[in-house]
All heavy atoms as atom14 arrays in JSON, in Angstrom:
{
  "sequence": "KKPLPERRESVIMLTDGRRVLLERRPASGIWGGLLSLPEVAAGSVE",
  "atom14_mask": [
    [1, 1, 1, 1, 1, 1, 1, 1, 1, 0, 0, 0, 0, 0],
    [1, 1, 1, 1, 1, 1, 1, 1, 1, 0, 0, 0, 0, 0],
    [1, 1, 1, 1, 1, 1, 1, 0, 0, 0, 0, 0, 0, 0],
    [1, 1, 1, 1, 1, 1, 1, 1, 0, 0, 0, 0, 0, 0],
    [1, 1, 1, 1, 1, 1, 1, 0, 0, 0, 0, 0, 0, 0],
    [1, 1, 1, 1, 1, 1, 1, 1, 1, 0, 0, 0, 0, 0],
    [1, 1, 1, 1, 1, 1, 1, 1, 1, 1, 1, 0, 0, 0],
    [1, 1, 1, 1, 1, 1, 1, 1, 1, 1, 1, 0, 0, 0],
    [1, 1, 1, 1, 1, 1, 1, 1, 1, 0, 0, 0, 0, 0],
    [1, 1, 1, 1, 1, 1, 0, 0, 0, 0, 0, 0, 0, 0],
    [1, 1, 1, 1, 1, 1, 1, 0, 0, 0, 0, 0, 0, 0],
    [1, 1, 1, 1, 1, 1, 1, 1, 0, 0, 0, 0, 0, 0],
    [1, 1, 1, 1, 1, 1, 1, 1, 0, 0, 0, 0, 0, 0],
    [1, 1, 1, 1, 1, 1, 1, 1, 0, 0, 0, 0, 0, 0],
    [1, 1, 1, 1, 1, 1, 1, 0, 0, 0, 0, 0, 0, 0],
    [1, 1, 1, 1, 1, 1, 1, 1, 0, 0, 0, 0, 0, 0],
    [1, 1, 1, 1, 0, 0, 0, 0, 0, 0, 0, 0, 0, 0],
    [1, 1, 1, 1, 1, 1, 1, 1, 1, 1, 1, 0, 0, 0],
    [1, 1, 1, 1, 1, 1, 1, 1, 1, 1, 1, 0, 0, 0],
    [1, 1, 1, 1, 1, 1, 1, 0, 0, 0, 0, 0, 0, 0],
    [1, 1, 1, 1, 1, 1, 1, 1, 0, 0, 0, 0, 0, 0],
    [1, 1, 1, 1, 1, 1, 1, 1, 0, 0, 0, 0, 0, 0],
    [1, 1, 1, 1, 1, 1, 1, 1, 1, 0, 0, 0, 0, 0],
    [1, 1, 1, 1, 1, 1, 1, 1, 1, 1, 1, 0, 0, 0],
    [1, 1, 1, 1, 1, 1, 1, 1, 1, 1, 1, 0, 0, 0],
    [1, 1, 1, 1, 1, 1, 1, 0, 0, 0, 0, 0, 0, 0],
    [1, 1, 1, 1, 1, 0, 0, 0, 0, 0, 0, 0, 0, 0],
    [1, 1, 1, 1, 1, 1, 0, 0, 0, 0, 0, 0, 0, 0],
    [1, 1, 1, 1, 0, 0, 0, 0, 0, 0, 0, 0, 0, 0],
    [1, 1, 1, 1, 1, 1, 1, 1, 0, 0, 0, 0, 0, 0],
    [1, 1, 1, 1, 1, 1, 1, 1, 1, 1, 1, 1, 1, 1],
    [1, 1, 1, 1, 0, 0, 0, 0, 0, 0, 0, 0, 0, 0],
    [1, 1, 1, 1, 0, 0, 0, 0, 0, 0, 0, 0, 0, 0],
    [1, 1, 1, 1, 1, 1, 1, 1, 0, 0, 0, 0, 0, 0],
    [1, 1, 1, 1, 1, 1, 1, 1, 0, 0, 0, 0, 0, 0],
    [1, 1, 1, 1, 1, 1, 0, 0, 0, 0, 0, 0, 0, 0],
    [1, 1, 1, 1, 1, 1, 1, 1, 0, 0, 0, 0, 0, 0],
    [1, 1, 1, 1, 1, 1, 1, 0, 0, 0, 0, 0, 0, 0],
    [1, 1, 1, 1, 1, 1, 1, 1, 1, 0, 0, 0, 0, 0],
    [1, 1, 1, 1, 1, 1, 1, 0, 0, 0, 0, 0, 0, 0],
    [1, 1, 1, 1, 1, 0, 0, 0, 0, 0, 0, 0, 0, 0],
    [1, 1, 1, 1, 1, 0, 0, 0, 0, 0, 0, 0, 0, 0],
    [1, 1, 1, 1, 0, 0, 0, 0, 0, 0, 0, 0, 0, 0],
    [1, 1, 1, 1, 1, 1, 0, 0, 0, 0, 0, 0, 0, 0],
    [1, 1, 1, 1, 1, 1, 1, 0, 0, 0, 0, 0, 0, 0],
    [1, 1, 1, 1, 1, 1, 1, 1, 1, 0, 0, 0, 0, 0]
  ],
  "atom14_positions": [
    [[0.83, -1.21, 0.04], [0.04, 0.05, -0.03], [0.85, 1.24, 0.03], [1.88, 1.31, 0.68], [-0.89, -0.01, 1.23], [-1.96, -1.12, 1.27], [-2.85, -1.0, 2.48], [-3.86, -2.11, 2.46], [-4.78, -2.06, 3.64], [0.0, 0.0, 0.0], [0.0, 0.0, 0.0], [0.0, 0.0, 0.0], [0.0, 0.0, 0.0], [0.0, 0.0, 0.0]],
    [[0.4, 2.24, -0.72], [1.09, 3.51, -0.74], [0.76, 4.25, 0.55], [-0.28, 4.07, 1.16], [0.62, 4.34, -1.93], [0.94, 3.74, -3.28], [0.42, 4.61, -4.41], [0.71, 4.04, -5.77], [0.15, 4.85, -6.87], [0.0, 0.0, 0.0], [0.0, 0.0, 0.0], [0.0, 0.0, 0.0], [0.0, 0.0, 0.0], [0.0, 0.0, 0.0]],
    [[1.69, 5.11, 1.03], [1.4, 5.93, 2.2], [0.13, 6.73, 1.98], [-0.11, 7.29, 0.92], [2.64, 6.83, 2.33], [3.69, 6.16, 1.58], [3.04, 5.37, 0.44], [0.0, 0.0, 0.0], [0.0, 0.0, 0.0], [0.0, 0.0, 0.0], [0.0, 0.0, 0.0], [0.0, 0.0, 0.0], [0.0, 0.0, 0.0], [0.0, 0.0, 0.0]],
    [[-0.67, 6.83, 3.02], [-1.94, 7.61, 2.91], [-1.6, 9.08, 2.84], [-0.82, 9.62, 3.59], [-2.81, 7.32, 4.13], [-3.45, 5.97, 4.27], [-4.22, 5.84, 5.53], [-4.33, 5.65, 3.04], [0.0, 0.0, 0.0], [0.0, 0.0, 0.0], [0.0, 0.0, 0.0], [0.0, 0.0, 0.0], [0.0, 0.0, 0.0], [0.0, 0.0, 0.0]],
    [[-2.28, 9.81, 1.94], [-2.09, 11.25, 1.87], [-2.65, 11.9, 3.17], [-3.54, 11.37, 3.83], [-2.88, 11.67, 0.65], [-3.86, 10.6, 0.36], [-3.23, 9.31, 0.87], [0.0, 0.0, 0.0], [0.0, 0.0, 0.0], [0.0, 0.0, 0.0], [0.0, 0.0, 0.0], [0.0, 0.0, 0.0], [0.0, 0.0, 0.0], [0.0, 0.0, 0.0]],
    [[-2.11, 13.04, 3.44], [-2.53, 13.78, 4.63], [-3.41, 15.0, 4.25], [-3.12, 15.68, 3.27], [-1.31, 14.29, 5.41], [-0.35, 13.23, 5.82], [-0.74, 12.49, 7.08], [-1.65, 13.02, 7.8], [-0.18, 11.47, 7.4], [0.0, 0.0, 0.0], [0.0, 0.0, 0.0], [0.0, 0.0, 0.0], [0.0, 0.0, 0.0], [0.0, 0.0, 0.0]],
    [[-4.47, 15.24, 5.01], [-5.25, 16.45, 4.8], [-5.47, 17.13, 6.15], [-5.53, 16.51, 7.21], [-6.69, 16.07, 4.29], [-6.68, 15.67, 2.82], [-8.03, 15.25, 2.35], [-9.12, 16.16, 2.67], [-10.42, 15.96, 2.3], [-10.7, 14.88, 1.53], [-11.33, 16.84, 2.59], [0.0, 0.0, 0.0], [0.0, 0.0, 0.0], [0.0, 0.0, 0.0]],
    [[-5.53, 18.51, 6.06], [-5.71, 19.33, 7.29], [-6.91, 20.2, 7.08], [-7.09, 20.79, 5.99], [-4.43, 20.16, 7.56], [-3.21, 19.37, 7.78], [-2.07, 20.2, 8.27], [-2.32, 20.7, 9.64], [-1.95, 20.05, 10.74], [-1.33, 18.86, 10.61], [-2.27, 20.57, 11.93], [0.0, 0.0, 0.0], [0.0, 0.0, 0.0], [0.0, 0.0, 0.0]],
    [[-7.77, 20.28, 8.07], [-8.93, 21.15, 8.07], [-9.0, 21.86, 9.39], [-8.5, 21.43, 10.42], [-10.23, 20.35, 7.79], [-10.21, 19.54, 6.5], [-10.4, 20.39, 5.28], [-10.64, 21.61, 5.41], [-10.26, 19.88, 4.15], [0.0, 0.0, 0.0], [0.0, 0.0, 0.0], [0.0, 0.0, 0.0], [0.0, 0.0, 0.0], [0.0, 0.0, 0.0]],
    [[-9.71, 22.99, 9.41], [-9.97, 23.73, 10.65], [-11.48, 23.8, 10.91], [-12.25, 24.08, 10.01], [-9.39, 25.16, 10.55], [-7.99, 25.08, 10.42], [0.0, 0.0, 0.0], [0.0, 0.0, 0.0], [0.0, 0.0, 0.0], [0.0, 0.0, 0.0], [0.0, 0.0, 0.0], [0.0, 0.0, 0.0], [0.0, 0.0, 0.0], [0.0, 0.0, 0.0]],
    [[-11.88, 23.53, 12.16], [-13.31, 23.61, 12.48], [-13.43, 24.52, 13.73], [-12.51, 24.71, 14.52], [-13.91, 22.26, 12.77], [-13.89, 21.37, 11.51], [-13.16, 21.49, 13.87], [0.0, 0.0, 0.0], [0.0, 0.0, 0.0], [0.0, 0.0, 0.0], [0.0, 0.0, 0.0], [0.0, 0.0, 0.0], [0.0, 0.0, 0.0], [0.0, 0.0, 0.0]],
    [[-14.68, 25.04, 13.92], [-15.05, 25.88, 15.02], [-16.09, 25.23, 15.91], [-17.08, 24.7, 15.41], [-15.6, 27.23, 14.49], [-14.63, 27.91, 13.56], [-15.95, 28.13, 15.7], [-13.36, 28.29, 14.21], [0.0, 0.0, 0.0], [0.0, 0.0, 0.0], [0.0, 0.0, 0.0], [0.0, 0.0, 0.0], [0.0, 0.0, 0.0], [0.0, 0.0, 0.0]],
    [[-15.8, 25.21, 17.21], [-16.77, 24.73, 18.17], [-17.4, 25.95, 18.85], [-16.84, 26.5, 19.79], [-16.13, 23.82, 19.22], [-17.1, 23.24, 20.18], [-16.26, 22.62, 21.71], [-15.31, 21.31, 20.97], [0.0, 0.0, 0.0], [0.0, 0.0, 0.0], [0.0, 0.0, 0.0], [0.0, 0.0, 0.0], [0.0, 0.0, 0.0], [0.0, 0.0, 0.0]],
    [[-18.56, 26.34, 18.35], [-19.27, 27.48, 18.9], [-20.27, 26.97, 19.96], [-21.18, 26.2, 19.65], [-20.03, 28.19, 17.78], [-20.41, 29.64, 17.99], [-19.17, 30.54, 17.93], [-21.44, 30.12, 16.98], [0.0, 0.0, 0.0], [0.0, 0.0, 0.0], [0.0, 0.0, 0.0], [0.0, 0.0, 0.0], [0.0, 0.0, 0.0], [0.0, 0.0, 0.0]],
    [[-20.04, 27.35, 21.27], [-20.83, 26.77, 22.35], [-21.16, 27.83, 23.41], [-20.28, 28.65, 23.7], [-20.16, 25.54, 22.95], [-20.96, 25.01, 24.0], [-18.78, 25.87, 23.49], [0.0, 0.0, 0.0], [0.0, 0.0, 0.0], [0.0, 0.0, 0.0], [0.0, 0.0, 0.0], [0.0, 0.0, 0.0], [0.0, 0.0, 0.0], [0.0, 0.0, 0.0]],
    [[-22.32, 27.7, 24.01], [-22.62, 28.5, 25.17], [-22.59, 27.71, 26.43], [-23.05, 28.11, 27.51], [-24.05, 29.1, 25.03], [-25.18, 28.08, 25.03], [-24.86, 26.85, 24.98], [-26.35, 28.45, 25.01], [0.0, 0.0, 0.0], [0.0, 0.0, 0.0], [0.0, 0.0, 0.0], [0.0, 0.0, 0.0], [0.0, 0.0, 0.0], [0.0, 0.0, 0.0]],
    [[-21.95, 26.52, 26.4], [-21.83, 25.63, 27.55], [-22.92, 24.6, 27.66], [-22.74, 23.61, 28.37], [0.0, 0.0, 0.0], [0.0, 0.0, 0.0], [0.0, 0.0, 0.0], [0.0, 0.0, 0.0], [0.0, 0.0, 0.0], [0.0, 0.0, 0.0], [0.0, 0.0, 0.0], [0.0, 0.0, 0.0], [0.0, 0.0, 0.0], [0.0, 0.0, 0.0]],
    [[-24.0, 24.88, 27.04], [-25.14, 23.96, 27.08], [-25.49, 23.36, 25.74], [-26.01, 22.25, 25.6], [-26.39, 24.61, 27.65], [-26.24, 25.01, 29.14], [-27.57, 25.66, 29.67], [-27.94, 26.79, 28.93], [-29.04, 26.96, 28.16], [-29.82, 25.9, 28.05], [-29.31, 28.08, 27.51], [0.0, 0.0, 0.0], [0.0, 0.0, 0.0], [0.0, 0.0, 0.0]],
    [[-25.15, 24.11, 24.68], [-25.42, 23.7, 23.29], [-24.17, 23.95, 22.46], [-23.35, 24.73, 22.86], [-26.63, 24.45, 22.79], [-27.94, 24.14, 23.38], [-28.95, 25.22, 23.16], [-28.53, 26.46, 23.89], [-29.31, 27.5, 24.1], [-30.51, 27.52, 23.63], [-28.85, 28.57, 24.79], [0.0, 0.0, 0.0], [0.0, 0.0, 0.0], [0.0, 0.0, 0.0]],
    [[-24.15, 23.28, 21.31], [-23.07, 23.54, 20.38], [-23.67, 23.67, 18.98], [-24.67, 23.01, 18.61], [-22.0, 22.4, 20.39], [-22.67, 21.04, 19.98], [-20.82, 22.71, 19.56], [0.0, 0.0, 0.0], [0.0, 0.0, 0.0], [0.0, 0.0, 0.0], [0.0, 0.0, 0.0], [0.0, 0.0, 0.0], [0.0, 0.0, 0.0], [0.0, 0.0, 0.0]],
    [[-23.09, 24.6, 18.18], [-23.57, 24.85, 16.84], [-22.97, 23.83, 15.89], [-21.74, 23.71, 15.77], [-23.24, 26.22, 16.41], [-23.8, 26.63, 15.01], [-25.29, 26.72, 15.0], [-23.16, 28.0, 14.55], [0.0, 0.0, 0.0], [0.0, 0.0, 0.0], [0.0, 0.0, 0.0], [0.0, 0.0, 0.0], [0.0, 0.0, 0.0], [0.0, 0.0, 0.0]],
    [[-23.86, 23.13, 15.2], [-23.4, 22.14, 14.2], [-23.95, 22.45, 12.79], [-24.97, 23.1, 12.68], [-23.82, 20.73, 14.61], [-23.33, 20.27, 15.99], [-23.93, 18.97, 16.37], [-21.78, 20.13, 15.95], [0.0, 0.0, 0.0], [0.0, 0.0, 0.0], [0.0, 0.0, 0.0], [0.0, 0.0, 0.0], [0.0, 0.0, 0.0], [0.0, 0.0, 0.0]],
    [[-23.27, 21.9, 11.82], [-23.72, 22.09, 10.43], [-23.91, 20.72, 9.78], [-23.07, 19.81, 9.92], [-22.68, 22.9, 9.66], [-23.04, 23.18, 8.24], [-21.96, 24.03, 7.53], [-20.84, 24.11, 8.04], [-22.27, 24.58, 6.44], [0.0, 0.0, 0.0], [0.0, 0.0, 0.0], [0.0, 0.0, 0.0], [0.0, 0.0, 0.0], [0.0, 0.0, 0.0]],
    [[-25.02, 20.61, 9.01], [-25.29, 19.37, 8.32], [-24.38, 19.31, 7.1], [-24.38, 20.21, 6.25], [-26.72, 19.29, 7.87], [-27.1, 18.03, 7.09], [-27.34, 16.87, 7.99], [-28.43, 17.08, 8.96], [-28.79, 16.25, 9.91], [-28.05, 15.13, 10.07], [-29.75, 16.55, 10.76], [0.0, 0.0, 0.0], [0.0, 0.0, 0.0], [0.0, 0.0, 0.0]],
    [[-23.55, 18.24, 6.99], [-22.63, 18.15, 5.88], [-23.37, 17.73, 4.61], [-24.43, 17.15, 4.64], [-21.52, 17.13, 6.2], [-20.59, 17.61, 7.33], [-19.38, 16.63, 7.47], [-18.6, 16.65, 6.29], [-17.68, 17.52, 6.0], [-17.44, 18.58, 6.85], [-16.92, 17.43, 4.92], [0.0, 0.0, 0.0], [0.0, 0.0, 0.0], [0.0, 0.0, 0.0]],
    [[-22.74, 18.07, 3.42], [-23.35, 17.69, 2.2], [-23.56, 16.12, 2.09], [-22.84, 15.43, 2.78], [-22.33, 18.16, 1.1], [-21.59, 19.22, 1.8], [-21.5, 18.85, 3.23], [0.0, 0.0, 0.0], [0.0, 0.0, 0.0], [0.0, 0.0, 0.0], [0.0, 0.0, 0.0], [0.0, 0.0, 0.0], [0.0, 0.0, 0.0], [0.0, 0.0, 0.0]],
    [[-24.51, 15.69, 1.27], [-24.82, 14.28, 1.22], [-23.66, 13.43, 0.72], [-23.48, 12.27, 1.16], [-26.02, 14.07, 0.35], [0.0, 0.0, 0.0], [0.0, 0.0, 0.0], [0.0, 0.0, 0.0], [0.0, 0.0, 0.0], [0.0, 0.0, 0.0], [0.0, 0.0, 0.0], [0.0, 0.0, 0.0], [0.0, 0.0, 0.0], [0.0, 0.0, 0.0]],
    [[-22.84, 14.01, -0.2], [-21.66, 13.25, -0.71], [-20.37, 13.71, 0.02], [-20.38, 14.8, 0.68], [-21.49, 13.53, -2.18], [-21.37, 14.89, -2.48], [0.0, 0.0, 0.0], [0.0, 0.0, 0.0], [0.0, 0.0, 0.0], [0.0, 0.0, 0.0], [0.0, 0.0, 0.0], [0.0, 0.0, 0.0], [0.0, 0.0, 0.0], [0.0, 0.0, 0.0]],
    [[-19.35, 12.97, -0.04], [-18.12, 13.32, 0.58], [-17.98, 12.72, 1.92], [-18.83, 11.94, 2.44], [0.0, 0.0, 0.0], [0.0, 0.0, 0.0], [0.0, 0.0, 0.0], [0.0, 0.0, 0.0], [0.0, 0.0, 0.0], [0.0, 0.0, 0.0], [0.0, 0.0, 0.0], [0.0, 0.0, 0.0], [0.0, 0.0, 0.0], [0.0, 0.0, 0.0]],
    [[-16.93, 13.04, 2.7], [-16.71, 12.46, 4.02], [-17.77, 12.88, 4.95], [-18.25, 14.03, 4.95], [-15.33, 12.79, 4.56], [-15.13, 14.31, 4.79], [-14.22, 12.32, 3.62], [-13.87, 14.68, 5.56], [0.0, 0.0, 0.0], [0.0, 0.0, 0.0], [0.0, 0.0, 0.0], [0.0, 0.0, 0.0], [0.0, 0.0, 0.0], [0.0, 0.0, 0.0]],
    [[-18.17, 11.94, 5.79], [-19.25, 12.24, 6.81], [-20.52, 12.75, 6.17], [-21.21, 13.53, 6.75], [-18.74, 13.09, 7.88], [-17.59, 12.56, 8.66], [-17.32, 11.26, 8.94], [-16.52, 13.27, 9.36], [-16.18, 11.08, 9.74], [-15.68, 12.32, 9.94], [-16.2, 14.63, 9.42], [-14.53, 12.69, 10.7], [-15.06, 15.01, 10.15], [-14.23, 14.03, 10.77]],
    [[-20.84, 12.29, 4.96], [-21.96, 12.82, 4.22], [-23.27, 12.68, 4.95], [-23.62, 11.61, 5.44], [0.0, 0.0, 0.0], [0.0, 0.0, 0.0], [0.0, 0.0, 0.0], [0.0, 0.0, 0.0], [0.0, 0.0, 0.0], [0.0, 0.0, 0.0], [0.0, 0.0, 0.0], [0.0, 0.0, 0.0], [0.0, 0.0, 0.0], [0.0, 0.0, 0.0]],
    [[-23.99, 13.81, 5.13], [-25.29, 13.8, 5.77], [-25.26, 13.93, 7.23], [-26.31, 14.04, 7.9], [0.0, 0.0, 0.0], [0.0, 0.0, 0.0], [0.0, 0.0, 0.0], [0.0, 0.0, 0.0], [0.0, 0.0, 0.0], [0.0, 0.0, 0.0], [0.0, 0.0, 0.0], [0.0, 0.0, 0.0], [0.0, 0.0, 0.0], [0.0, 0.0, 0.0]],
    [[-24.04, 13.82, 7.86], [-23.97, 13.9, 9.34], [-23.88, 15.37, 9.8], [-23.54, 16.25, 9.03], [-22.72, 13.13, 9.81], [-22.58, 11.68, 9.46], [-21.38, 11.1, 10.09], [-23.84, 10.91, 9.88], [0.0, 0.0, 0.0], [0.0, 0.0, 0.0], [0.0, 0.0, 0.0], [0.0, 0.0, 0.0], [0.0, 0.0, 0.0], [0.0, 0.0, 0.0]],
    [[-24.18, 15.57, 11.07], [-23.9, 16.82, 11.71], [-22.48, 16.9, 12.15], [-21.91, 15.91, 12.65], [-24.83, 17.01, 12.95], [-26.31, 17.2, 12.67], [-27.11, 17.09, 13.96], [-26.6, 18.5, 11.98], [0.0, 0.0, 0.0], [0.0, 0.0, 0.0], [0.0, 0.0, 0.0], [0.0, 0.0, 0.0], [0.0, 0.0, 0.0], [0.0, 0.0, 0.0]],
    [[-21.81, 18.05, 11.95], [-20.44, 18.16, 12.38], [-20.1, 19.59, 12.69], [-20.94, 20.55, 12.46], [-19.5, 17.62, 11.24], [-18.14, 17.58, 11.7], [0.0, 0.0, 0.0], [0.0, 0.0, 0.0], [0.0, 0.0, 0.0], [0.0, 0.0, 0.0], [0.0, 0.0, 0.0], [0.0, 0.0, 0.0], [0.0, 0.0, 0.0], [0.0, 0.0, 0.0]],
    [[-18.95, 19.83, 13.21], [-18.53, 21.18, 13.52], [-18.24, 21.93, 12.2], [-17.68, 21.35, 11.29], [-17.22, 21.23, 14.35], [-17.39, 20.59, 15.77], [-16.01, 20.55, 16.46], [-18.38, 21.38, 16.61], [0.0, 0.0, 0.0], [0.0, 0.0, 0.0], [0.0, 0.0, 0.0], [0.0, 0.0, 0.0], [0.0, 0.0, 0.0], [0.0, 0.0, 0.0]],
    [[-18.65, 23.14, 12.09], [-18.47, 23.91, 10.81], [-17.02, 24.17, 10.48], [-16.21, 24.42, 11.41], [-19.25, 25.18, 10.98], [-19.37, 25.33, 12.46], [-19.39, 23.98, 13.07], [0.0, 0.0, 0.0], [0.0, 0.0, 0.0], [0.0, 0.0, 0.0], [0.0, 0.0, 0.0], [0.0, 0.0, 0.0], [0.0, 0.0, 0.0], [0.0, 0.0, 0.0]],
    [[-16.68, 24.07, 9.22], [-15.33, 24.43, 8.76], [-15.34, 25.88, 8.47], [-15.81, 26.37, 7.45], [-14.96, 23.62, 7.55], [-14.87, 22.11, 7.77], [-14.56, 21.33, 6.56], [-14.14, 21.96, 5.56], [-14.73, 20.1, 6.54], [0.0, 0.0, 0.0], [0.0, 0.0, 0.0], [0.0, 0.0, 0.0], [0.0, 0.0, 0.0], [0.0, 0.0, 0.0]],
    [[-14.82, 26.68, 9.36], [-14.79, 28.16, 9.22], [-13.41, 28.69, 9.55], [-12.78, 28.23, 10.51], [-15.84, 28.78, 10.2], [-15.84, 30.33, 10.04], [-17.24, 28.23, 10.0], [0.0, 0.0, 0.0], [0.0, 0.0, 0.0], [0.0, 0.0, 0.0], [0.0, 0.0, 0.0], [0.0, 0.0, 0.0], [0.0, 0.0, 0.0], [0.0, 0.0, 0.0]],
    [[-12.92, 29.61, 8.74], [-11.6, 30.22, 9.02], [-11.63, 30.97, 10.34], [-12.66, 31.52, 10.75], [-11.28, 31.19, 7.87], [0.0, 0.0, 0.0], [0.0, 0.0, 0.0], [0.0, 0.0, 0.0], [0.0, 0.0, 0.0], [0.0, 0.0, 0.0], [0.0, 0.0, 0.0], [0.0, 0.0, 0.0], [0.0, 0.0, 0.0], [0.0, 0.0, 0.0]],
    [[-10.5, 30.92, 11.01], [-10.4, 31.54, 12.36], [-10.87, 32.97, 12.37], [-11.48, 33.46, 13.28], [-8.97, 31.4, 12.88], [0.0, 0.0, 0.0], [0.0, 0.0, 0.0], [0.0, 0.0, 0.0], [0.0, 0.0, 0.0], [0.0, 0.0, 0.0], [0.0, 0.0, 0.0], [0.0, 0.0, 0.0], [0.0, 0.0, 0.0], [0.0, 0.0, 0.0]],
    [[-10.53, 33.73, 11.33], [-10.91, 35.12, 11.3], [-12.42, 35.36, 11.13], [-12.9, 36.54, 11.22], [0.0, 0.0, 0.0], [0.0, 0.0, 0.0], [0.0, 0.0, 0.0], [0.0, 0.0, 0.0], [0.0, 0.0, 0.0], [0.0, 0.0, 0.0], [0.0, 0.0, 0.0], [0.0, 0.0, 0.0], [0.0, 0.0, 0.0], [0.0, 0.0, 0.0]],
    [[-13.19, 34.27, 10.84], [-14.62, 34.41, 10.63], [-15.45, 34.03, 11.85], [-16.67, 33.95, 11.77], [-15.03, 33.57, 9.43], [-14.3, 33.94, 8.28], [0.0, 0.0, 0.0], [0.0, 0.0, 0.0], [0.0, 0.0, 0.0], [0.0, 0.0, 0.0], [0.0, 0.0, 0.0], [0.0, 0.0, 0.0], [0.0, 0.0, 0.0], [0.0, 0.0, 0.0]],
    [[-14.81, 33.76, 12.94], [-15.5, 33.25, 14.18], [-16.5, 34.26, 14.64], [-17.69, 33.95, 14.9], [-14.51, 32.92, 15.28], [-15.27, 32.48, 16.52], [-13.55, 31.82, 14.8], [0.0, 0.0, 0.0], [0.0, 0.0, 0.0], [0.0, 0.0, 0.0], [0.0, 0.0, 0.0], [0.0, 0.0, 0.0], [0.0, 0.0, 0.0], [0.0, 0.0, 0.0]],
    [[-16.12, 35.56, 14.73], [-17.03, 36.52, 15.28], [-18.24, 36.74, 14.33], [-19.38, 36.84, 14.77], [-16.32, 37.88, 15.47], [-17.17, 38.9, 16.19], [-16.35, 40.05, 16.75], [-15.09, 40.05, 16.57], [-16.97, 40.93, 17.35], [0.0, 0.0, 0.0], [0.0, 0.0, 0.0], [0.0, 0.0, 0.0], [0.0, 0.0, 0.0], [0.0, 0.0, 0.0]]
  ]
}
């Protein structure tokens, strides 16, 4: 087997301590259709 390629992504965990904001991922691709932490650039948090 060839070495697995590496990928890096950044996600934001927006929380008020009781809830967390999640985003439904597109139907295709990794984790398709699941809820996950949004992929948002650090400068876009506010």
